[in-house]
Amino acid sequence: MDISGGIQASLSGRYGMALFELARDEKAIDAVSADLDQVKAALAESADFRALTQSPLIDRVAAGKAIAAVAEAMKLGKITTHFLGVLAHNRRLAELSAMIRAFKALVAAHRGETTAEVTSAHPLDAEQVGALKDKLRTRFGRDVAIEAKVDPAILGGLIVKMGSQQIDGSIRTKLNTLANAMKG
């Protein structure tokens, strides 16, 4: 069964596909996925880590050593650590976020899931994510993986994007709609 969905067309897609196939063959999809969640969180939280992945001034050797140290500190698995080392050697760390997205899309397709990008004003706890997954499963008739983002600018509520569909229940949108209605 082909689950690539056109992902291979991009550089990040090819790397994501290679990582997915290796993880699948080693029966380590869940472990690699968990590692990549940690890496994604580190990219979001650490300016130093982002700089390491984005800076063209850091040479291959230095990037490789730094990535190895980061992987050891984060206690990443062998497959993920090796993958990050390959990215450092090939000077592809700048594409890491896109590669993670491609990998996650392949995992979701492999599991028969759809991924929903959910934006909230505040972080969602595990119970809220579970309830949201149940509602989306009921509405769309398939399992849904949640990719949560936080944007305080929406004030409250949720914005859910699944493929080309978007459900905007944010307070910001409701206030804008009310303001436009009042203008006449």
N, C-alpha and C. Protein backbone atom coordinates (compact mmCIF):
# COMPACT_ATOMS: atom_id res chain seq x y z
N MET A 1 0.85 -1.19 0.00
CA MET A 1 0.00 0.00 0.00
C MET A 1 0.89 1.24 0.00
N ASP A 2 0.66 2.15 -0.91
CA ASP A 2 1.43 3.39 -0.98
C ASP A 2 0.79 4.41 -0.05
N ILE A 3 1.58 4.88 0.90
CA ILE A 3 1.06 5.87 1.85
C ILE A 3 1.79 7.19 1.73
N SER A 4 2.59 7.34 0.71
CA SER A 4 3.41 8.54 0.59
C SER A 4 2.59 9.79 0.32
N GLY A 5 1.48 9.66 -0.38
CA GLY A 5 0.61 10.80 -0.63
C GLY A 5 1.33 11.98 -1.27
N GLY A 6 2.32 11.71 -2.11
CA GLY A 6 3.04 12.80 -2.75
C GLY A 6 4.11 13.42 -1.89
N ILE A 7 4.33 12.88 -0.71
CA ILE A 7 5.30 13.45 0.21
C ILE A 7 6.71 13.42 -0.37
N GLN A 8 7.03 12.42 -1.17
CA GLN A 8 8.39 12.25 -1.68
C GLN A 8 8.83 13.36 -2.62
N ALA A 9 7.95 14.21 -3.04
CA ALA A 9 8.29 15.25 -4.01
C ALA A 9 9.27 16.27 -3.45
N SER A 10 9.32 16.46 -2.14
CA SER A 10 10.19 17.47 -1.55
C SER A 10 11.38 16.81 -0.87
N LEU A 11 12.40 17.61 -0.63
CA LEU A 11 13.59 17.12 0.07
C LEU A 11 13.21 16.62 1.46
N SER A 12 12.44 17.43 2.19
CA SER A 12 12.04 17.02 3.54
C SER A 12 11.16 15.78 3.49
N GLY A 13 10.36 15.65 2.45
CA GLY A 13 9.52 14.47 2.29
C GLY A 13 10.33 13.21 2.07
N ARG A 14 11.40 13.33 1.29
CA ARG A 14 12.25 12.16 1.04
C ARG A 14 12.96 11.72 2.33
N TYR A 15 13.45 12.66 3.11
CA TYR A 15 14.08 12.31 4.37
C TYR A 15 13.05 11.74 5.35
N GLY A 16 11.87 12.36 5.40
CA GLY A 16 10.81 11.86 6.28
C GLY A 16 10.40 10.45 5.90
N MET A 17 10.31 10.19 4.60
CA MET A 17 9.95 8.85 4.10
C MET A 17 11.04 7.84 4.47
N ALA A 18 12.29 8.22 4.31
CA ALA A 18 13.40 7.31 4.66
C ALA A 18 13.37 6.97 6.14
N LEU A 19 13.13 7.97 6.98
CA LEU A 19 13.06 7.72 8.42
C LEU A 19 11.87 6.84 8.76
N PHE A 20 10.73 7.11 8.13
CA PHE A 20 9.54 6.30 8.38
C PHE A 20 9.78 4.84 7.99
N GLU A 21 10.35 4.62 6.81
CA GLU A 21 10.58 3.25 6.35
C GLU A 21 11.56 2.51 7.27
N LEU A 22 12.59 3.21 7.73
CA LEU A 22 13.54 2.59 8.66
C LEU A 22 12.85 2.26 9.98
N ALA A 23 12.08 3.20 10.51
CA ALA A 23 11.37 2.96 11.77
C ALA A 23 10.37 1.82 11.62
N ARG A 24 9.67 1.76 10.50
CA ARG A 24 8.72 0.68 10.25
C ARG A 24 9.44 -0.67 10.17
N ASP A 25 10.53 -0.71 9.44
CA ASP A 25 11.28 -1.96 9.29
C ASP A 25 11.85 -2.44 10.62
N GLU A 26 12.23 -1.50 11.47
CA GLU A 26 12.81 -1.84 12.79
C GLU A 26 11.72 -1.98 13.86
N LYS A 27 10.46 -1.84 13.44
CA LYS A 27 9.31 -1.89 14.36
C LYS A 27 9.48 -0.90 15.52
N ALA A 28 9.86 0.32 15.15
CA ALA A 28 10.14 1.35 16.14
C ALA A 28 9.41 2.65 15.82
N ILE A 29 8.27 2.56 15.15
CA ILE A 29 7.54 3.77 14.77
C ILE A 29 7.16 4.59 15.99
N ASP A 30 6.63 3.94 17.02
CA ASP A 30 6.20 4.67 18.21
C ASP A 30 7.38 5.33 18.91
N ALA A 31 8.50 4.62 19.01
CA ALA A 31 9.68 5.16 19.69
C ALA A 31 10.24 6.36 18.93
N VAL A 32 10.35 6.25 17.62
CA VAL A 32 10.88 7.35 16.81
C VAL A 32 9.91 8.53 16.85
N SER A 33 8.62 8.24 16.80
CA SER A 33 7.62 9.31 16.87
C SER A 33 7.72 10.07 18.19
N ALA A 34 7.89 9.34 19.29
CA ALA A 34 8.05 9.98 20.60
C ALA A 34 9.33 10.82 20.64
N ASP A 35 10.42 10.28 20.07
CA ASP A 35 11.67 11.05 20.00
C ASP A 35 11.47 12.34 19.23
N LEU A 36 10.78 12.25 18.09
CA LEU A 36 10.57 13.44 17.27
C LEU A 36 9.66 14.46 17.96
N ASP A 37 8.74 13.98 18.80
CA ASP A 37 7.94 14.91 19.60
C ASP A 37 8.85 15.72 20.53
N GLN A 38 9.83 15.04 21.13
CA GLN A 38 10.80 15.72 22.00
C GLN A 38 11.62 16.74 21.20
N VAL A 39 12.07 16.34 20.03
CA VAL A 39 12.88 17.23 19.19
C VAL A 39 12.05 18.44 18.77
N LYS A 40 10.81 18.20 18.40
CA LYS A 40 9.92 19.30 17.99
C LYS A 40 9.71 20.28 19.15
N ALA A 41 9.51 19.74 20.35
CA ALA A 41 9.34 20.60 21.53
C ALA A 41 10.61 21.39 21.79
N ALA A 42 11.76 20.75 21.63
CA ALA A 42 13.04 21.44 21.85
C ALA A 42 13.22 22.57 20.83
N LEU A 43 12.82 22.32 19.59
CA LEU A 43 12.90 23.38 18.57
C LEU A 43 12.02 24.57 18.95
N ALA A 44 10.86 24.29 19.51
CA ALA A 44 9.94 25.37 19.90
C ALA A 44 10.42 26.13 21.12
N GLU A 45 11.07 25.42 22.05
CA GLU A 45 11.42 26.02 23.34
C GLU A 45 12.83 26.59 23.42
N SER A 46 13.76 26.08 22.65
CA SER A 46 15.16 26.46 22.81
C SER A 46 15.68 27.26 21.62
N ALA A 47 16.00 28.50 21.88
CA ALA A 47 16.56 29.36 20.84
C ALA A 47 17.93 28.84 20.40
N ASP A 48 18.70 28.29 21.34
CA ASP A 48 20.02 27.74 21.01
C ASP A 48 19.89 26.54 20.07
N PHE A 49 18.95 25.66 20.35
CA PHE A 49 18.76 24.49 19.50
C PHE A 49 18.29 24.92 18.11
N ARG A 50 17.37 25.89 18.06
CA ARG A 50 16.92 26.42 16.77
C ARG A 50 18.09 27.00 16.00
N ALA A 51 18.95 27.75 16.70
CA ALA A 51 20.11 28.35 16.05
C ALA A 51 21.04 27.27 15.51
N LEU A 52 21.23 26.20 16.26
CA LEU A 52 22.06 25.09 15.80
C LEU A 52 21.52 24.51 14.49
N THR A 53 20.21 24.36 14.42
CA THR A 53 19.62 23.75 13.22
C THR A 53 19.53 24.72 12.04
N GLN A 54 19.47 26.00 12.30
CA GLN A 54 19.23 26.97 11.23
C GLN A 54 20.48 27.67 10.73
N SER A 55 21.54 27.75 11.54
CA SER A 55 22.69 28.55 11.18
C SER A 55 23.55 27.92 10.09
N PRO A 56 23.79 28.65 9.02
CA PRO A 56 24.69 28.14 7.98
C PRO A 56 26.16 28.28 8.37
N LEU A 57 26.44 28.97 9.47
CA LEU A 57 27.81 29.21 9.91
C LEU A 57 28.41 28.02 10.65
N ILE A 58 27.57 27.10 11.10
CA ILE A 58 28.05 25.94 11.84
C ILE A 58 28.42 24.85 10.84
N ASP A 59 29.69 24.41 10.87
CA ASP A 59 30.13 23.41 9.89
C ASP A 59 29.63 22.02 10.26
N ARG A 60 29.81 21.09 9.36
CA ARG A 60 29.31 19.71 9.51
C ARG A 60 29.81 19.04 10.78
N VAL A 61 31.11 19.16 11.03
CA VAL A 61 31.72 18.48 12.17
C VAL A 61 31.17 19.04 13.48
N ALA A 62 31.13 20.36 13.60
CA ALA A 62 30.62 20.99 14.82
C ALA A 62 29.14 20.67 15.01
N ALA A 63 28.38 20.73 13.92
CA ALA A 63 26.94 20.41 14.00
C ALA A 63 26.74 18.96 14.43
N GLY A 64 27.54 18.07 13.86
CA GLY A 64 27.44 16.65 14.22
C GLY A 64 27.73 16.40 15.69
N LYS A 65 28.78 17.04 16.20
CA LYS A 65 29.12 16.89 17.62
C LYS A 65 28.02 17.47 18.51
N ALA A 66 27.52 18.63 18.14
CA ALA A 66 26.47 19.28 18.94
C ALA A 66 25.20 18.45 18.92
N ILE A 67 24.83 17.93 17.76
CA ILE A 67 23.62 17.11 17.65
C ILE A 67 23.77 15.83 18.47
N ALA A 68 24.95 15.23 18.43
CA ALA A 68 25.19 14.01 19.22
C ALA A 68 25.04 14.30 20.71
N ALA A 69 25.54 15.44 21.14
CA ALA A 69 25.41 15.82 22.56
C ALA A 69 23.96 16.08 22.93
N VAL A 70 23.24 16.76 22.05
CA VAL A 70 21.82 17.04 22.30
C VAL A 70 21.02 15.73 22.36
N ALA A 71 21.29 14.84 21.42
CA ALA A 71 20.57 13.56 21.38
C ALA A 71 20.84 12.75 22.65
N GLU A 72 22.09 12.78 23.12
CA GLU A 72 22.42 12.05 24.34
C GLU A 72 21.72 12.67 25.55
N ALA A 73 21.72 14.01 25.62
CA ALA A 73 21.07 14.70 26.73
C ALA A 73 19.56 14.45 26.74
N MET A 74 18.97 14.34 25.55
CA MET A 74 17.53 14.11 25.46
C MET A 74 17.19 12.63 25.55
N LYS A 75 18.21 11.77 25.59
CA LYS A 75 18.03 10.32 25.65
C LYS A 75 17.22 9.80 24.47
N LEU A 76 17.58 10.29 23.28
CA LEU A 76 16.89 9.86 22.07
C LEU A 76 17.37 8.46 21.68
N GLY A 77 16.51 7.74 20.99
CA GLY A 77 16.83 6.40 20.55
C GLY A 77 17.89 6.39 19.46
N LYS A 78 18.38 5.21 19.18
CA LYS A 78 19.47 5.02 18.21
C LYS A 78 19.07 5.50 16.82
N ILE A 79 17.87 5.16 16.38
CA ILE A 79 17.44 5.53 15.03
C ILE A 79 17.35 7.05 14.89
N THR A 80 16.73 7.70 15.85
CA THR A 80 16.58 9.16 15.79
C THR A 80 17.93 9.85 15.89
N THR A 81 18.78 9.36 16.77
CA THR A 81 20.11 9.95 16.93
C THR A 81 20.90 9.84 15.62
N HIS A 82 20.85 8.67 15.02
CA HIS A 82 21.57 8.48 13.74
C HIS A 82 20.98 9.38 12.66
N PHE A 83 19.66 9.48 12.62
CA PHE A 83 18.99 10.33 11.63
C PHE A 83 19.44 11.79 11.78
N LEU A 84 19.47 12.29 13.01
CA LEU A 84 19.90 13.66 13.24
C LEU A 84 21.37 13.85 12.84
N GLY A 85 22.19 12.82 13.09
CA GLY A 85 23.58 12.87 12.68
C GLY A 85 23.73 12.96 11.17
N VAL A 86 22.90 12.20 10.45
CA VAL A 86 22.92 12.25 8.98
C VAL A 86 22.52 13.64 8.51
N LEU A 87 21.51 14.21 9.14
CA LEU A 87 21.08 15.56 8.76
C LEU A 87 22.20 16.57 8.98
N ALA A 88 22.89 16.45 10.12
CA ALA A 88 24.00 17.36 10.40
C ALA A 88 25.10 17.18 9.35
N HIS A 89 25.45 15.93 9.04
CA HIS A 89 26.51 15.66 8.07
C HIS A 89 26.15 16.19 6.68
N ASN A 90 24.87 16.05 6.31
CA ASN A 90 24.41 16.49 4.99
C ASN A 90 23.98 17.96 4.96
N ARG A 91 24.14 18.63 6.08
CA ARG A 91 23.77 20.05 6.22
C ARG A 91 22.28 20.27 5.89
N ARG A 92 21.44 19.41 6.46
CA ARG A 92 20.00 19.48 6.23
C ARG A 92 19.21 19.76 7.51
N LEU A 93 19.87 20.18 8.57
CA LEU A 93 19.16 20.42 9.83
C LEU A 93 18.12 21.53 9.72
N ALA A 94 18.29 22.44 8.79
CA ALA A 94 17.33 23.54 8.63
C ALA A 94 15.95 23.02 8.21
N GLU A 95 15.91 21.83 7.62
CA GLU A 95 14.65 21.25 7.16
C GLU A 95 14.02 20.32 8.20
N LEU A 96 14.57 20.28 9.41
CA LEU A 96 14.13 19.31 10.41
C LEU A 96 12.63 19.39 10.72
N SER A 97 12.10 20.58 10.88
CA SER A 97 10.66 20.71 11.20
C SER A 97 9.79 20.12 10.09
N ALA A 98 10.14 20.41 8.85
CA ALA A 98 9.37 19.88 7.72
C ALA A 98 9.51 18.36 7.64
N MET A 99 10.68 17.84 7.98
CA MET A 99 10.88 16.39 7.97
C MET A 99 10.04 15.71 9.05
N ILE A 100 9.95 16.35 10.20
CA ILE A 100 9.12 15.81 11.28
C ILE A 100 7.66 15.78 10.83
N ARG A 101 7.19 16.86 10.20
CA ARG A 101 5.80 16.89 9.70
C ARG A 101 5.57 15.78 8.69
N ALA A 102 6.51 15.57 7.78
CA ALA A 102 6.37 14.51 6.77
C ALA A 102 6.32 13.15 7.44
N PHE A 103 7.19 12.92 8.41
CA PHE A 103 7.21 11.64 9.14
C PHE A 103 5.87 11.42 9.83
N LYS A 104 5.37 12.45 10.52
CA LYS A 104 4.10 12.33 11.25
C LYS A 104 2.94 12.06 10.30
N ALA A 105 2.95 12.67 9.12
CA ALA A 105 1.89 12.42 8.13
C ALA A 105 1.93 10.97 7.67
N LEU A 106 3.13 10.44 7.47
CA LEU A 106 3.27 9.04 7.05
C LEU A 106 2.81 8.09 8.16
N VAL A 107 3.14 8.41 9.40
CA VAL A 107 2.71 7.58 10.52
C VAL A 107 1.18 7.59 10.61
N ALA A 108 0.59 8.76 10.48
CA ALA A 108 -0.88 8.86 10.55
C ALA A 108 -1.53 8.05 9.43
N ALA A 109 -0.99 8.14 8.23
CA ALA A 109 -1.55 7.37 7.11
C ALA A 109 -1.37 5.87 7.35
N HIS A 110 -0.23 5.49 7.88
CA HIS A 110 0.05 4.08 8.19
C HIS A 110 -0.96 3.53 9.19
N ARG A 111 -1.36 4.35 10.13
CA ARG A 111 -2.31 3.94 11.17
C ARG A 111 -3.76 4.16 10.77
N GLY A 112 -3.99 4.71 9.60
CA GLY A 112 -5.35 4.98 9.17
C GLY A 112 -5.95 6.19 9.86
N GLU A 113 -5.09 7.09 10.29
CA GLU A 113 -5.55 8.30 10.98
C GLU A 113 -5.51 9.49 10.04
N THR A 114 -6.18 10.52 10.46
CA THR A 114 -6.08 11.83 9.83
C THR A 114 -5.49 12.76 10.88
N THR A 115 -4.70 13.71 10.45
CA THR A 115 -4.10 14.65 11.39
C THR A 115 -4.92 15.94 11.40
N ALA A 116 -5.21 16.41 12.59
CA ALA A 116 -5.92 17.68 12.75
C ALA A 116 -4.98 18.66 13.45
N GLU A 117 -4.84 19.83 12.85
CA GLU A 117 -4.05 20.90 13.47
C GLU A 117 -5.02 21.72 14.32
N VAL A 118 -4.80 21.70 15.63
CA VAL A 118 -5.71 22.36 16.56
C VAL A 118 -4.98 23.53 17.21
N THR A 119 -5.54 24.72 17.05
CA THR A 119 -4.97 25.92 17.66
C THR A 119 -5.89 26.35 18.79
N SER A 120 -5.30 26.56 19.97
CA SER A 120 -6.07 27.01 21.13
C SER A 120 -5.34 28.19 21.76
N ALA A 121 -6.05 28.94 22.60
CA ALA A 121 -5.45 30.09 23.26
C ALA A 121 -4.53 29.66 24.39
N HIS A 122 -4.80 28.49 24.96
CA HIS A 122 -4.01 27.95 26.07
C HIS A 122 -3.72 26.48 25.77
N PRO A 123 -2.64 25.94 26.32
CA PRO A 123 -2.35 24.52 26.08
C PRO A 123 -3.49 23.62 26.54
N LEU A 124 -3.78 22.58 25.75
CA LEU A 124 -4.83 21.62 26.09
C LEU A 124 -4.23 20.51 26.95
N ASP A 125 -4.98 20.08 27.97
CA ASP A 125 -4.50 18.96 28.78
C ASP A 125 -4.91 17.65 28.10
N ALA A 126 -4.43 16.54 28.65
CA ALA A 126 -4.67 15.22 28.03
C ALA A 126 -6.16 14.89 27.94
N GLU A 127 -6.92 15.27 28.95
CA GLU A 127 -8.35 15.00 28.95
C GLU A 127 -9.06 15.77 27.83
N GLN A 128 -8.68 17.03 27.64
CA GLN A 128 -9.29 17.85 26.58
C GLN A 128 -8.92 17.31 25.20
N VAL A 129 -7.66 16.89 25.04
CA VAL A 129 -7.23 16.32 23.75
C VAL A 129 -8.01 15.04 23.47
N GLY A 130 -8.19 14.20 24.49
CA GLY A 130 -8.94 12.96 24.33
C GLY A 130 -10.38 13.22 23.92
N ALA A 131 -11.03 14.19 24.58
CA ALA A 131 -12.41 14.52 24.25
C ALA A 131 -12.52 15.07 22.82
N LEU A 132 -11.54 15.90 22.44
CA LEU A 132 -11.54 16.46 21.09
C LEU A 132 -11.35 15.36 20.05
N LYS A 133 -10.45 14.41 20.32
CA LYS A 133 -10.25 13.28 19.41
C LYS A 133 -11.54 12.49 19.23
N ASP A 134 -12.25 12.26 20.34
CA ASP A 134 -13.52 11.52 20.26
C ASP A 134 -14.54 12.26 19.40
N LYS A 135 -14.67 13.57 19.59
CA LYS A 135 -15.63 14.35 18.81
C LYS A 135 -15.26 14.36 17.32
N LEU A 136 -13.97 14.51 17.03
CA LEU A 136 -13.54 14.51 15.63
C LEU A 136 -13.69 13.13 15.00
N ARG A 137 -13.46 12.08 15.77
CA ARG A 137 -13.64 10.71 15.26
C ARG A 137 -15.11 10.50 14.90
N THR A 138 -16.00 10.99 15.76
CA THR A 138 -17.44 10.86 15.51
C THR A 138 -17.83 11.65 14.27
N ARG A 139 -17.32 12.86 14.14
CA ARG A 139 -17.70 13.73 13.02
C ARG A 139 -17.15 13.24 11.68
N PHE A 140 -15.88 12.77 11.67
CA PHE A 140 -15.23 12.42 10.40
C PHE A 140 -15.15 10.92 10.15
N GLY A 141 -15.52 10.11 11.13
CA GLY A 141 -15.58 8.67 10.93
C GLY A 141 -14.24 7.96 10.86
N ARG A 142 -13.19 8.56 11.39
CA ARG A 142 -11.88 7.91 11.43
C ARG A 142 -11.07 8.47 12.59
N ASP A 143 -10.02 7.74 12.96
CA ASP A 143 -9.17 8.20 14.05
C ASP A 143 -8.46 9.48 13.64
N VAL A 144 -8.22 10.33 14.63
CA VAL A 144 -7.60 11.63 14.37
C VAL A 144 -6.41 11.81 15.31
N ALA A 145 -5.28 12.16 14.73
CA ALA A 145 -4.10 12.53 15.51
C ALA A 145 -4.14 14.05 15.65
N ILE A 146 -3.89 14.53 16.86
CA ILE A 146 -3.97 15.96 17.14
C ILE A 146 -2.57 16.57 17.14
N GLU A 147 -2.41 17.63 16.35
CA GLU A 147 -1.18 18.43 16.39
C GLU A 147 -1.57 19.76 17.01
N ALA A 148 -1.25 19.92 18.29
CA ALA A 148 -1.71 21.09 19.04
C ALA A 148 -0.75 22.26 18.91
N LYS A 149 -1.32 23.44 18.76
CA LYS A 149 -0.56 24.69 18.73
C LYS A 149 -1.25 25.66 19.68
N VAL A 150 -0.48 26.59 20.21
CA VAL A 150 -1.03 27.60 21.10
C VAL A 150 -0.84 28.97 20.46
N ASP A 151 -1.94 29.75 20.39
CA ASP A 151 -1.90 31.11 19.87
C ASP A 151 -2.81 31.97 20.75
N PRO A 152 -2.23 32.68 21.72
CA PRO A 152 -3.05 33.50 22.62
C PRO A 152 -3.90 34.54 21.91
N ALA A 153 -3.55 34.90 20.68
CA ALA A 153 -4.28 35.93 19.94
C ALA A 153 -5.71 35.51 19.61
N ILE A 154 -6.02 34.20 19.65
CA ILE A 154 -7.40 33.80 19.33
C ILE A 154 -8.33 34.00 20.53
N LEU A 155 -7.76 34.36 21.69
CA LEU A 155 -8.48 34.71 22.92
C LEU A 155 -9.12 33.52 23.62
N GLY A 156 -9.70 32.61 22.91
CA GLY A 156 -10.36 31.44 23.48
C GLY A 156 -10.97 30.62 22.37
N GLY A 157 -11.51 29.46 22.72
CA GLY A 157 -12.08 28.58 21.71
C GLY A 157 -10.99 27.82 20.98
N LEU A 158 -11.36 27.24 19.84
CA LEU A 158 -10.43 26.42 19.06
C LEU A 158 -10.56 26.72 17.58
N ILE A 159 -9.46 26.50 16.86
CA ILE A 159 -9.48 26.47 15.41
C ILE A 159 -8.95 25.09 15.03
N VAL A 160 -9.75 24.31 14.30
CA VAL A 160 -9.37 22.95 13.91
C VAL A 160 -9.26 22.90 12.40
N LYS A 161 -8.08 22.48 11.91
CA LYS A 161 -7.85 22.32 10.47
C LYS A 161 -7.57 20.85 10.19
N MET A 162 -8.36 20.30 9.28
CA MET A 162 -8.16 18.92 8.82
C MET A 162 -8.18 18.96 7.31
N GLY A 163 -7.01 18.78 6.71
CA GLY A 163 -6.92 18.86 5.26
C GLY A 163 -7.35 20.23 4.79
N SER A 164 -8.34 20.28 3.92
CA SER A 164 -8.81 21.57 3.40
C SER A 164 -9.95 22.15 4.22
N GLN A 165 -10.41 21.42 5.24
CA GLN A 165 -11.51 21.91 6.08
C GLN A 165 -10.98 22.64 7.30
N GLN A 166 -11.69 23.70 7.68
CA GLN A 166 -11.34 24.43 8.88
C GLN A 166 -12.60 24.74 9.67
N ILE A 167 -12.53 24.46 10.96
CA ILE A 167 -13.62 24.79 11.87
C ILE A 167 -13.07 25.86 12.80
N ASP A 168 -13.60 27.08 12.71
CA ASP A 168 -13.09 28.19 13.51
C ASP A 168 -14.10 28.55 14.58
N GLY A 169 -13.83 28.13 15.80
CA GLY A 169 -14.68 28.46 16.93
C GLY A 169 -13.97 29.38 17.90
N SER A 170 -13.06 30.21 17.36
CA SER A 170 -12.29 31.11 18.24
C SER A 170 -13.11 32.33 18.62
N ILE A 171 -12.84 32.85 19.77
CA ILE A 171 -13.53 34.05 20.25
C ILE A 171 -13.16 35.24 19.37
N ARG A 172 -11.91 35.30 18.92
CA ARG A 172 -11.48 36.40 18.05
C ARG A 172 -12.35 36.47 16.80
N THR A 173 -12.60 35.34 16.16
CA THR A 173 -13.43 35.31 14.94
C THR A 173 -14.86 35.71 15.26
N LYS A 174 -15.38 35.21 16.38
CA LYS A 174 -16.76 35.57 16.76
C LYS A 174 -16.89 37.07 17.03
N LEU A 175 -15.89 37.67 17.67
CA LEU A 175 -15.91 39.12 17.92
C LEU A 175 -15.81 39.89 16.63
N ASN A 176 -14.95 39.43 15.71
CA ASN A 176 -14.83 40.11 14.41
C ASN A 176 -16.14 40.02 13.63
N THR A 177 -16.79 38.89 13.68
CA THR A 177 -18.08 38.70 12.98
C THR A 177 -19.14 39.63 13.57
N LEU A 178 -19.14 39.72 14.90
CA LEU A 178 -20.11 40.60 15.57
C LEU A 178 -19.81 42.06 15.22
N ALA A 179 -18.55 42.46 15.21
CA ALA A 179 -18.19 43.84 14.86
C ALA A 179 -18.62 44.18 13.43
N ASN A 180 -18.41 43.23 12.51
CA ASN A 180 -18.84 43.47 11.11
C ASN A 180 -20.35 43.56 11.01
N ALA A 181 -21.07 42.76 11.77
CA ALA A 181 -22.54 42.79 11.74
C ALA A 181 -23.06 44.12 12.29
N MET A 182 -22.38 44.64 13.29
CA MET A 182 -22.82 45.90 13.90
C MET A 182 -22.56 47.12 12.99
N LYS A 183 -21.58 46.97 12.08
CA LYS A 183 -21.28 48.06 11.15
C LYS A 183 -22.40 48.23 10.13
N GLY A 184 -23.17 47.15 9.94
CA GLY A 184 -24.32 47.23 9.08
C GLY A 184 -24.03 46.87 7.72
